[in-house]
Amino acid sequence: MKLGSLNLKNRYLLAPMLNVTTNPFRRFCRYFFNIGLVYVPMLYTKKIEKHPKSIETDLYKIERENPIGIQLIGSDPEALKKSIDYIESYKFETLDLNAGCPSKRAIKAKEGGYLMKDLNTLKILVKVAVKYSAKPVSLKIRTGFEISVNIKEMAKIINDSGIDFAIIHARTVKSNFHEHALDLDTVKRLKEKLTIPLVGNGDIINPISAKHFIDYTNVDALMIGRESIGNPEIFNQIHEYFTKGEEIPFKNDFALFRKYIKIYEDLIDDFLNGISYLINNEEIKFKELKRNAIWLTKNIRNSTPVRRDLSKVKNILQLKTIIERIE
């Protein structure tokens, strides 16, 4: 499908998630379905401006993951310009500007979601991104800061910006990720006024919710984040439902858990091959395996004791011992 000037194999995007969507995680999700577009976790423009080499580990081997996008977060136009200049040396397909992150850090720094109530700064940042990026630019927003944004004003900002597409999380910034705060009405109204594609995001947890999101709002594509944590097959489940009408339920057990861990370990080993970090590669592998092992117990019956044991392990040997003894 076409998403602005991008030609993607399908309409599914893996959301950038800090400390989650690492290289092995992205490849893990793509192992089960060739996701149309994946993202590196958001990178801070101030950090890139001051210590550009600090992001090398985040961008290592991304040229092997195309199509892939980089998301930047910041509020200083000059830092954004310098960040774009630095990352242009990497091979990636699209640049996203974050105007939706609800974290306390982002709001305090007047970046991310804060920009939903500082539209003048937002317009300046978008202008800089479009002017200096050689890659297609997108903008990720929320439905507002505390209340829904002025649809007419936001649509004009987006339509006049020169970006290729927009992404919207269907909650206000202040709503964070609260379950009952999803606002598909604002997404629908914005979509009706946009002249460029709109990607929908928020509480897409299974094929039924994915279909409802698209049917109700008419968005062009879907971005999925948190539901992929512990369920790497969510994209395939949704695709099968849309193309074949088959709803594949997410049924997890310890046999599947072991299969997932083996696949993930192989992907980590491949990623670490030929790379030497300041810290031991074995430590990187341990951290990746540990947190994903905990996540991958999702929906497994009577898995609470296993998660508790996994959370206490200090090294790979202890981790694998627990995995091997699970019945």
Protein backbone atom coordinates (compact mmCIF):
# COMPACT_ATOMS: atom_id res chain seq x y z
CA MET A 1 0.00 0.00 0.00
CA LYS A 2 1.03 3.65 -0.41
CA LEU A 3 1.53 5.73 2.69
CA GLY A 4 2.39 9.10 1.25
CA SER A 5 5.45 8.48 -0.92
CA LEU A 6 6.22 5.19 0.85
CA ASN A 7 5.34 1.90 -0.81
CA LEU A 8 4.66 -0.67 1.91
CA LYS A 9 3.76 -4.34 1.65
CA ASN A 10 0.81 -3.89 4.00
CA ARG A 11 -0.93 -1.35 6.25
CA TYR A 12 0.55 -2.40 9.58
CA LEU A 13 3.18 -0.50 11.56
CA LEU A 14 5.06 -1.50 14.70
CA ALA A 15 5.08 1.48 17.06
CA PRO A 16 8.35 2.81 18.49
CA MET A 17 8.47 1.89 22.19
CA LEU A 18 11.30 2.95 24.46
CA ASN A 19 13.27 -0.02 25.89
CA VAL A 20 11.03 -2.40 23.94
CA THR A 21 11.37 -2.21 20.16
CA THR A 22 15.06 -3.00 19.97
CA ASN A 23 16.59 -4.58 16.87
CA PRO A 24 15.96 -8.17 18.13
CA PHE A 25 12.37 -7.31 19.16
CA ARG A 26 11.56 -5.76 15.78
CA ARG A 27 12.98 -8.75 13.95
CA PHE A 28 11.16 -11.08 16.34
CA CYS A 29 7.80 -9.55 15.39
CA ARG A 30 8.74 -9.65 11.71
CA TYR A 31 9.69 -13.32 12.03
CA PHE A 32 5.96 -14.12 12.16
CA PHE A 33 4.70 -11.49 9.71
CA ASN A 34 6.43 -9.10 7.31
CA ILE A 35 5.22 -5.90 9.00
CA GLY A 36 4.91 -3.01 6.56
CA LEU A 37 6.95 -0.56 8.65
CA VAL A 38 8.81 -0.77 11.96
CA TYR A 39 10.44 1.95 14.05
CA VAL A 40 13.51 2.49 16.17
CA PRO A 41 12.49 3.70 19.68
CA MET A 42 12.26 7.49 19.84
CA LEU A 43 15.55 9.36 19.97
CA TYR A 44 16.02 12.65 21.84
CA THR A 45 17.26 15.51 19.65
CA LYS A 46 19.09 17.20 22.54
CA LYS A 47 20.98 13.97 23.21
CA ILE A 48 21.93 13.62 19.56
CA GLU A 49 23.04 17.25 19.40
CA LYS A 50 25.32 16.92 22.43
CA HIS A 51 26.44 13.29 22.15
CA PRO A 52 25.67 12.01 18.63
CA LYS A 53 27.66 8.80 19.00
CA SER A 54 25.48 7.79 21.96
CA ILE A 55 22.75 6.64 19.56
CA GLU A 56 24.96 4.38 17.46
CA THR A 57 23.79 1.29 19.35
CA ASP A 58 20.14 2.22 18.64
CA LEU A 59 20.81 2.43 14.91
CA TYR A 60 23.22 -0.48 14.49
CA LYS A 61 22.30 -2.71 11.53
CA ILE A 62 19.05 -0.85 10.76
CA GLU A 63 19.95 -1.00 7.08
CA ARG A 64 19.05 -4.69 7.24
CA GLU A 65 15.51 -3.96 8.42
CA ASN A 66 14.04 -1.89 5.65
CA PRO A 67 11.50 -0.47 5.58
CA ILE A 68 12.25 1.14 8.94
CA GLY A 69 11.62 4.57 10.41
CA ILE A 70 13.36 6.75 12.97
CA GLN A 71 11.33 8.81 15.43
CA LEU A 72 12.72 12.00 16.95
CA ILE A 73 11.45 13.85 20.00
CA GLY A 74 12.45 17.37 21.01
CA SER A 75 11.34 20.99 21.17
CA ASP A 76 14.41 22.89 19.94
CA PRO A 77 14.42 23.53 16.18
CA GLU A 78 18.22 23.79 16.00
CA ALA A 79 18.70 20.49 17.85
CA LEU A 80 16.19 18.91 15.47
CA LYS A 81 18.06 20.23 12.44
CA LYS A 82 21.40 18.90 13.73
CA SER A 83 19.80 15.53 14.60
CA ILE A 84 18.38 15.14 11.13
CA ASP A 85 21.75 15.99 9.64
CA TYR A 86 23.43 13.33 11.77
CA ILE A 87 20.97 10.48 11.17
CA GLU A 88 20.92 11.07 7.41
CA SER A 89 24.12 9.02 7.22
CA TYR A 90 22.05 5.93 8.12
CA LYS A 91 19.90 3.99 5.72
CA PHE A 92 16.24 4.23 6.72
CA GLU A 93 12.98 5.04 4.95
CA THR A 94 11.06 7.64 6.94
CA LEU A 95 11.39 10.18 9.74
CA ASP A 96 8.68 10.66 12.37
CA LEU A 97 8.33 13.65 14.67
CA ASN A 98 6.87 12.80 18.09
CA ALA A 99 4.17 15.18 19.34
CA GLY A 100 2.31 12.66 21.48
CA CYS A 101 4.56 11.16 24.16
CA PRO A 102 2.73 11.57 27.51
CA SER A 103 5.70 10.87 29.82
CA LYS A 104 6.49 13.28 32.64
CA ARG A 105 9.96 13.74 31.18
CA ALA A 106 8.54 14.85 27.84
CA ILE A 107 6.00 17.23 29.33
CA LYS A 108 8.59 18.80 31.65
CA ALA A 109 10.91 19.35 28.68
CA LYS A 110 8.00 20.84 26.69
CA GLU A 111 8.35 18.22 23.97
CA GLY A 112 6.37 15.20 22.81
CA GLY A 113 2.76 15.46 23.98
CA TYR A 114 3.35 18.98 25.30
CA LEU A 115 3.33 20.17 21.68
CA MET A 116 -0.40 19.40 21.51
CA LYS A 117 -0.93 22.59 23.50
CA ASP A 118 1.93 24.53 21.89
CA LEU A 119 0.91 24.40 18.25
CA ASN A 120 3.14 27.31 17.24
CA THR A 121 6.26 25.39 18.28
CA LEU A 122 4.82 22.26 16.66
CA LYS A 123 4.45 24.07 13.33
CA ILE A 124 8.02 25.34 13.52
CA LEU A 125 9.40 21.86 14.26
CA VAL A 126 7.42 20.26 11.44
CA LYS A 127 8.65 22.93 9.04
CA VAL A 128 12.25 22.22 10.04
CA ALA A 129 11.78 18.46 9.67
CA VAL A 130 10.25 18.75 6.20
CA LYS A 131 12.88 21.25 5.04
CA TYR A 132 15.97 19.37 6.18
CA SER A 133 14.98 15.71 5.95
CA ALA A 134 15.80 13.89 2.74
CA LYS A 135 13.36 11.19 3.85
CA PRO A 136 9.55 11.33 3.93
CA VAL A 137 8.35 12.93 7.17
CA SER A 138 5.40 11.95 9.37
CA LEU A 139 3.96 13.44 12.54
CA LYS A 140 2.64 11.46 15.50
CA ILE A 141 0.04 13.25 17.60
CA ARG A 142 -2.72 12.57 20.12
CA THR A 143 -6.34 13.71 20.05
CA GLY A 144 -5.43 16.68 22.22
CA PHE A 145 -3.65 17.61 25.44
CA GLU A 146 -6.39 17.64 28.08
CA ILE A 147 -9.39 17.88 25.78
CA SER A 148 -9.87 17.15 22.10
CA VAL A 149 -7.91 19.42 19.80
CA ASN A 150 -9.58 21.87 17.43
CA ILE A 151 -10.06 19.54 14.47
CA LYS A 152 -10.20 22.28 11.86
CA GLU A 153 -6.99 23.89 13.14
CA MET A 154 -5.08 20.61 13.46
CA ALA A 155 -6.19 19.45 10.01
CA LYS A 156 -4.95 22.72 8.49
CA ILE A 157 -1.58 22.40 10.24
CA ILE A 158 -1.17 18.86 8.93
CA ASN A 159 -2.47 19.52 5.41
CA ASP A 160 -0.26 22.59 4.98
CA SER A 161 2.86 21.03 6.51
CA GLY A 162 4.25 19.03 3.60
CA ILE A 163 4.48 15.81 5.62
CA ASP A 164 3.66 12.51 3.93
CA PHE A 165 1.31 11.10 6.54
CA ALA A 166 0.14 11.57 10.12
CA ILE A 167 -0.21 9.09 12.97
CA ILE A 168 -2.71 9.61 15.77
CA HIS A 169 -3.02 7.85 19.12
CA ALA A 170 -6.71 7.94 19.97
CA ARG A 171 -6.34 9.47 23.44
CA THR A 172 -5.43 12.86 24.84
CA VAL A 173 -1.97 13.32 26.34
CA LYS A 174 -3.41 13.60 29.86
CA SER A 175 -5.35 10.36 29.36
CA ASN A 176 -2.03 8.55 28.98
CA PHE A 177 -3.03 4.92 28.25
CA HIS A 178 -6.23 4.76 30.33
CA GLU A 179 -8.47 2.01 29.07
CA HIS A 180 -11.73 3.98 28.90
CA ALA A 181 -10.27 7.14 27.36
CA LEU A 182 -10.13 5.92 23.74
CA ASP A 183 -11.62 8.57 21.44
CA LEU A 184 -12.30 7.24 17.97
CA ASP A 185 -14.73 10.08 17.21
CA THR A 186 -11.91 12.66 17.10
CA VAL A 187 -9.84 10.33 14.92
CA LYS A 188 -12.77 9.93 12.54
CA ARG A 189 -13.42 13.69 12.32
CA LEU A 190 -9.74 14.43 11.71
CA LYS A 191 -9.53 11.79 9.01
CA GLU A 192 -12.46 13.38 7.20
CA LYS A 193 -10.59 16.68 6.91
CA LEU A 194 -7.12 15.42 6.00
CA THR A 195 -5.74 15.37 2.47
CA ILE A 196 -2.93 12.96 3.41
CA PRO A 197 -3.05 9.42 4.87
CA LEU A 198 -3.77 8.94 8.58
CA VAL A 199 -2.50 6.01 10.65
CA GLY A 200 -4.54 4.98 13.69
CA ASN A 201 -3.07 3.83 17.00
CA GLY A 202 -4.45 2.89 20.40
CA ASP A 203 -5.97 -0.22 22.01
CA ILE A 204 -5.66 -2.41 18.93
CA ILE A 205 -5.46 -5.62 20.92
CA ASN A 206 -6.92 -8.25 18.56
CA PRO A 207 -8.43 -8.64 15.07
CA ILE A 208 -11.89 -7.47 16.20
CA SER A 209 -10.60 -4.20 17.67
CA ALA A 210 -8.45 -3.65 14.56
CA LYS A 211 -11.47 -4.03 12.27
CA HIS A 212 -13.58 -1.75 14.47
CA PHE A 213 -10.89 0.94 14.43
CA ILE A 214 -10.69 0.96 10.64
CA ASP A 215 -14.44 0.61 10.05
CA TYR A 216 -15.29 3.42 12.45
CA THR A 217 -12.56 5.94 11.58
CA ASN A 218 -11.61 5.00 8.00
CA VAL A 219 -7.90 5.40 8.80
CA ASP A 220 -5.51 4.20 6.11
CA ALA A 221 -3.27 2.03 8.31
CA LEU A 222 -2.84 0.76 11.84
CA MET A 223 0.06 1.19 14.25
CA ILE A 224 0.32 -1.43 16.98
CA GLY A 225 2.53 -1.15 20.04
CA ARG A 226 1.82 -2.58 23.47
CA GLU A 227 -0.14 -5.61 22.28
CA SER A 228 2.96 -6.90 20.47
CA ILE A 229 4.68 -7.23 23.85
CA GLY A 230 4.23 -10.89 24.68
CA ASN A 231 2.30 -11.60 21.49
CA PRO A 232 4.61 -11.25 18.46
CA GLU A 233 1.97 -12.85 16.23
CA ILE A 234 -0.60 -10.07 16.65
CA PHE A 235 0.12 -8.67 13.18
CA ASN A 236 -0.41 -12.02 11.50
CA GLN A 237 -3.60 -12.60 13.50
CA ILE A 238 -5.02 -9.28 12.32
CA HIS A 239 -3.93 -9.80 8.71
CA GLU A 240 -5.50 -13.26 8.56
CA TYR A 241 -8.76 -11.84 9.85
CA PHE A 242 -8.83 -9.05 7.27
CA THR A 243 -7.83 -11.22 4.32
CA LYS A 244 -9.47 -14.54 5.12
CA GLY A 245 -12.06 -13.74 7.77
CA GLU A 246 -10.35 -16.18 10.11
CA GLU A 247 -9.96 -15.11 13.72
CA ILE A 248 -6.87 -16.80 15.13
CA PRO A 249 -7.09 -16.60 18.92
CA PHE A 250 -3.97 -15.95 20.94
CA LYS A 251 -3.39 -19.20 22.81
CA ASN A 252 -0.13 -19.34 24.70
CA ASP A 253 1.39 -22.21 26.65
CA PHE A 254 4.84 -23.19 27.88
CA ALA A 255 5.63 -25.20 24.75
CA LEU A 256 5.06 -22.13 22.61
CA PHE A 257 6.91 -20.05 25.19
CA ARG A 258 10.04 -22.20 24.75
CA LYS A 259 9.74 -21.93 20.96
CA TYR A 260 9.54 -18.14 21.22
CA ILE A 261 12.59 -17.98 23.50
CA LYS A 262 14.66 -20.10 21.11
CA ILE A 263 13.75 -17.87 18.15
CA TYR A 264 14.48 -14.73 20.15
CA GLU A 265 17.86 -16.01 21.32
CA ASP A 266 18.89 -16.77 17.74
CA LEU A 267 17.88 -13.27 16.67
CA ILE A 268 19.90 -11.71 19.50
CA ASP A 269 22.96 -13.77 18.58
CA ASP A 270 22.66 -12.67 14.96
CA PHE A 271 22.31 -9.03 16.00
CA LEU A 272 25.35 -9.15 18.30
CA ASN A 273 27.52 -10.88 15.72
CA GLY A 274 30.31 -8.50 14.78
CA ILE A 275 29.42 -5.81 17.28
CA SER A 276 31.41 -4.87 20.38
CA TYR A 277 29.80 -2.57 22.92
CA LEU A 278 31.33 -0.91 25.94
CA ILE A 279 29.49 -3.42 28.08
CA ASN A 280 29.66 -7.16 27.61
CA ASN A 281 27.52 -8.55 24.79
CA GLU A 282 26.50 -11.36 27.11
CA GLU A 283 24.93 -8.76 29.40
CA ILE A 284 22.94 -7.33 26.48
CA LYS A 285 21.75 -10.80 25.57
CA PHE A 286 20.74 -11.51 29.16
CA LYS A 287 18.71 -8.30 29.48
CA GLU A 288 16.94 -8.90 26.18
CA LEU A 289 16.11 -12.51 27.00
CA LYS A 290 15.03 -11.81 30.56
CA ARG A 291 12.52 -9.08 29.87
CA ASN A 292 11.09 -10.87 26.85
CA ALA A 293 10.86 -14.16 28.74
CA ILE A 294 8.75 -12.37 31.34
CA TRP A 295 6.58 -10.77 28.65
CA LEU A 296 6.19 -14.05 26.75
CA THR A 297 4.44 -15.71 29.67
CA LYS A 298 1.44 -13.58 28.67
CA ASN A 299 -1.86 -15.47 28.83
CA ILE A 300 -0.19 -18.68 30.02
CA ARG A 301 -2.25 -20.35 32.67
CA ASN A 302 -0.66 -20.50 36.14
CA SER A 303 2.38 -18.54 34.95
CA THR A 304 2.60 -16.13 37.89
CA PRO A 305 5.19 -18.21 39.81
CA VAL A 306 7.30 -18.48 36.64
CA ARG A 307 7.24 -14.72 36.10
CA ARG A 308 8.23 -14.21 39.71
CA ASP A 309 11.19 -16.58 39.34
CA LEU A 310 12.24 -15.02 36.03
CA SER A 311 12.24 -11.55 37.56
CA LYS A 312 14.82 -12.65 40.15
CA VAL A 313 17.42 -14.22 37.85
CA LYS A 314 20.85 -12.56 37.67
CA ASN A 315 22.40 -14.22 34.61
CA ILE A 316 21.64 -16.30 31.52
CA LEU A 317 22.47 -19.59 33.24
CA GLN A 318 19.84 -18.98 35.91
CA LEU A 319 17.37 -17.85 33.26
CA LYS A 320 17.83 -20.95 31.13
CA THR A 321 17.64 -23.21 34.17
CA ILE A 322 14.18 -21.89 34.97
CA ILE A 323 13.04 -22.18 31.36
CA GLU A 324 14.25 -25.78 31.10
CA ARG A 325 12.51 -26.92 34.27
CA ILE A 326 9.10 -25.46 33.36
CA GLU A 327 6.55 -28.19 32.83
